[in-house]
Protein backbone atom coordinates (compact mmCIF):
# COMPACT_ATOMS: atom_id res chain seq x y z
CA MET A 1 56.31 -6.96 10.32
CA ASN A 2 54.63 -5.48 13.38
CA LYS A 3 55.06 -1.96 12.04
CA GLN A 4 53.26 -2.93 8.80
CA ARG A 5 50.32 -4.37 10.77
CA VAL A 6 50.02 -1.21 12.83
CA ILE A 7 50.08 0.96 9.69
CA LEU A 8 47.47 -1.30 8.01
CA PHE A 9 45.27 -1.13 11.14
CA VAL A 10 45.51 2.68 11.25
CA LEU A 11 44.69 3.00 7.52
CA LEU A 12 41.69 0.63 7.77
CA SER A 13 40.41 2.43 10.89
CA ALA A 14 40.71 5.79 9.14
CA ALA A 15 38.88 4.45 6.07
CA LEU A 16 36.06 2.99 8.17
CA TRP A 17 35.82 6.18 10.26
CA GLY A 18 35.25 8.21 7.09
CA LEU A 19 32.44 6.00 5.73
CA PRO A 20 29.03 7.67 5.67
CA ARG A 21 26.73 6.36 8.39
CA ARG A 22 23.03 6.67 8.89
CA ALA A 23 22.07 8.89 11.79
CA SER A 24 20.60 6.99 14.70
CA ALA A 25 17.06 8.31 14.43
CA GLN A 26 13.90 6.83 15.87
CA ILE A 27 12.69 3.84 13.82
CA PHE A 28 10.03 2.35 16.11
CA ALA A 29 7.34 3.83 18.35
CA VAL A 30 4.71 2.62 20.79
CA ARG A 31 1.79 5.02 20.95
CA ALA A 32 -1.36 5.77 22.91
CA ASN A 33 -4.37 7.95 22.07
CA ALA A 34 -5.04 10.33 24.98
CA LEU A 35 -8.54 11.37 23.84
CA ALA A 36 -9.64 7.75 23.48
CA ALA A 37 -8.29 6.99 26.97
CA CYS A 38 -10.45 9.81 28.38
CA SER A 39 -13.57 7.93 27.23
CA GLY A 40 -12.46 4.71 28.93
CA THR A 41 -11.15 3.16 25.72
CA LEU A 42 -8.05 1.03 26.10
CA ASN A 43 -5.74 1.56 23.15
CA VAL A 44 -2.23 0.83 21.99
CA GLY A 45 -0.46 1.33 18.70
CA VAL A 46 2.89 0.56 17.15
CA GLU A 47 4.56 2.48 14.36
CA THR A 48 7.73 1.78 12.43
CA ALA A 49 9.68 3.88 9.96
CA LEU A 50 9.87 2.28 6.52
CA THR A 51 12.07 4.98 4.98
CA ASP A 52 13.26 8.44 6.03
CA ASN A 53 9.84 9.92 5.18
CA TRP A 54 7.35 7.01 5.40
CA SER A 55 6.05 5.12 8.43
CA LEU A 56 3.48 2.36 8.97
CA GLU A 57 1.26 2.10 12.03
CA LEU A 58 -1.13 -0.45 13.52
CA SER A 59 -3.45 0.49 16.40
CA GLY A 60 -6.03 -1.38 18.42
CA TYR A 61 -8.92 0.00 20.50
CA TRP A 62 -11.21 -1.71 23.00
CA ASN A 63 -13.92 -0.24 25.20
CA PRO A 64 -15.50 -2.70 27.65
CA VAL A 65 -18.18 -0.36 29.08
CA ASN A 66 -21.50 -2.23 29.06
CA THR A 67 -24.10 -1.43 31.73
CA ALA A 68 -27.90 -1.60 31.86
CA SER A 69 -28.26 2.09 30.98
CA LEU A 70 -25.20 2.69 28.76
CA SER A 71 -23.26 0.56 26.31
CA MET A 72 -20.03 1.73 24.68
CA ASN A 73 -18.73 -1.77 24.05
CA PHE A 74 -16.58 -1.83 20.89
CA HIS A 75 -13.32 -3.03 19.43
CA ALA A 76 -11.44 -1.55 16.48
CA VAL A 77 -8.27 -2.06 14.45
CA GLN A 78 -6.63 0.65 12.35
CA LEU A 79 -3.83 0.25 9.80
CA GLY A 80 -2.28 3.41 8.42
CA SER A 81 0.70 5.00 6.78
CA ARG A 82 2.16 8.46 7.17
CA TYR A 83 4.29 10.66 4.95
CA TRP A 84 6.58 12.88 7.03
CA PHE A 85 7.74 16.11 5.38
CA TYR A 86 10.99 16.37 7.37
CA GLU A 87 11.84 12.89 8.67
CA SER A 88 9.92 10.07 10.35
CA PHE A 89 8.44 10.97 13.76
CA VAL A 90 9.40 14.67 13.51
CA GLY A 91 7.41 17.63 12.18
CA HIS A 92 4.45 17.80 9.81
CA PHE A 93 2.87 14.68 8.31
CA ILE A 94 -0.13 13.53 6.30
CA GLY A 95 -1.60 10.10 6.75
CA GLN A 96 -4.14 7.66 5.43
CA HIS A 97 -5.75 4.78 7.27
CA LEU A 98 -8.05 1.77 6.97
CA THR A 99 -10.29 0.93 9.93
CA TYR A 100 -12.55 -1.91 11.05
CA ALA A 101 -14.75 -1.73 14.18
CA GLY A 102 -17.31 -3.97 15.83
CA TYR A 103 -19.68 -2.24 18.24
CA ASP A 104 -22.62 -2.49 20.64
CA LEU A 105 -23.58 1.11 21.43
CA GLY A 106 -26.64 2.57 23.02
CA SER A 107 -28.69 3.76 25.94
CA ARG A 108 -31.93 2.66 27.61
CA THR A 109 -34.03 3.70 24.61
CA LYS A 110 -31.91 2.76 21.57
CA ARG A 111 -29.28 0.12 20.92
CA TYR A 112 -27.02 -0.26 17.84
CA LYS A 113 -25.08 -3.49 17.31
CA GLY A 114 -22.97 -4.13 14.22
CA ASN A 115 -19.72 -3.32 12.48
CA ALA A 116 -18.12 -0.53 10.46
CA TYR A 117 -15.25 -0.26 8.05
CA GLY A 118 -13.77 2.60 6.10
CA LEU A 119 -10.86 4.78 5.16
CA GLY A 120 -9.68 8.25 5.99
CA VAL A 121 -6.98 10.88 5.71
CA SER A 122 -5.30 12.97 8.39
CA TYR A 123 -2.83 15.77 9.02
CA GLY A 124 -0.65 16.19 12.08
CA TYR A 125 2.49 17.49 13.71
CA ALA A 126 4.94 15.75 16.05
CA TRP A 127 7.22 17.50 18.53
CA MET A 128 10.41 15.79 19.71
CA LEU A 129 10.61 16.12 23.50
CA SER A 130 13.80 14.09 23.90
CA LYS A 131 15.72 11.32 22.18
CA ARG A 132 13.06 8.73 23.07
CA TRP A 133 9.88 10.77 23.61
CA ASN A 134 7.67 12.83 21.32
CA ILE A 135 4.12 14.06 21.31
CA ALA A 136 1.89 14.37 18.25
CA VAL A 137 -1.40 16.05 17.44
CA GLU A 138 -3.42 14.65 14.56
CA ALA A 139 -6.84 15.41 13.04
CA GLY A 140 -8.57 13.63 10.20
CA VAL A 141 -11.75 12.77 8.34
CA GLY A 142 -13.00 9.49 6.98
CA LEU A 143 -15.79 7.65 5.20
CA TYR A 144 -17.23 4.59 6.91
CA ARG A 145 -19.77 1.97 5.94
CA THR A 146 -21.83 0.59 8.79
CA LYS A 147 -24.06 -2.42 9.01
CA ASP A 148 -25.96 -2.73 12.26
CA THR A 149 -29.09 -3.93 13.99
CA ARG A 150 -31.10 -1.27 15.78
CA ARG A 151 -33.47 -2.30 18.50
CA ASP A 152 -35.38 -1.06 21.52
CA PRO A 153 -33.69 -2.62 24.57
CA THR A 154 -36.89 -2.37 26.64
CA VAL A 155 -38.48 -5.03 24.41
CA SER A 156 -37.48 -8.61 25.15
CA ASP A 157 -35.70 -10.62 22.45
CA TRP A 158 -38.70 -13.02 22.53
CA GLU A 159 -41.32 -10.31 21.84
CA ASP A 160 -42.21 -8.63 18.56
CA GLU A 161 -41.23 -4.99 18.26
């Protein structure tokens, strides 16, 4: 009886060992935009692999700079998807994204306050540095619709321009 159980255990183990398994690849990423950070913009993004070649990402941007002489105050949200030619998070990819932004931009002589929304496409490449780290370079173009109020900040809100 014991010998039969051992043989059954060995046969089941061998059968399970031979089953095809998915490779343990990266399926989730937390990202940051280095160029945006250089301008004082706080940003964070998350990306998840949907299939071996498709991923979905959501990013948020916020710039709190608002002084008497310079305003770069804005917030933005971007939703995008990427098609990876090799596998998710490795190698060449093309992407598309939808973006919404609210802004208050300007200097001492001009001020623009409003919002923008649009869509775009991009191309990039990601290098795997280790099992948990990679770095990507991406460039893209987009079309955006803006609706804003333009005013001269030297004129009071109570005066006619």
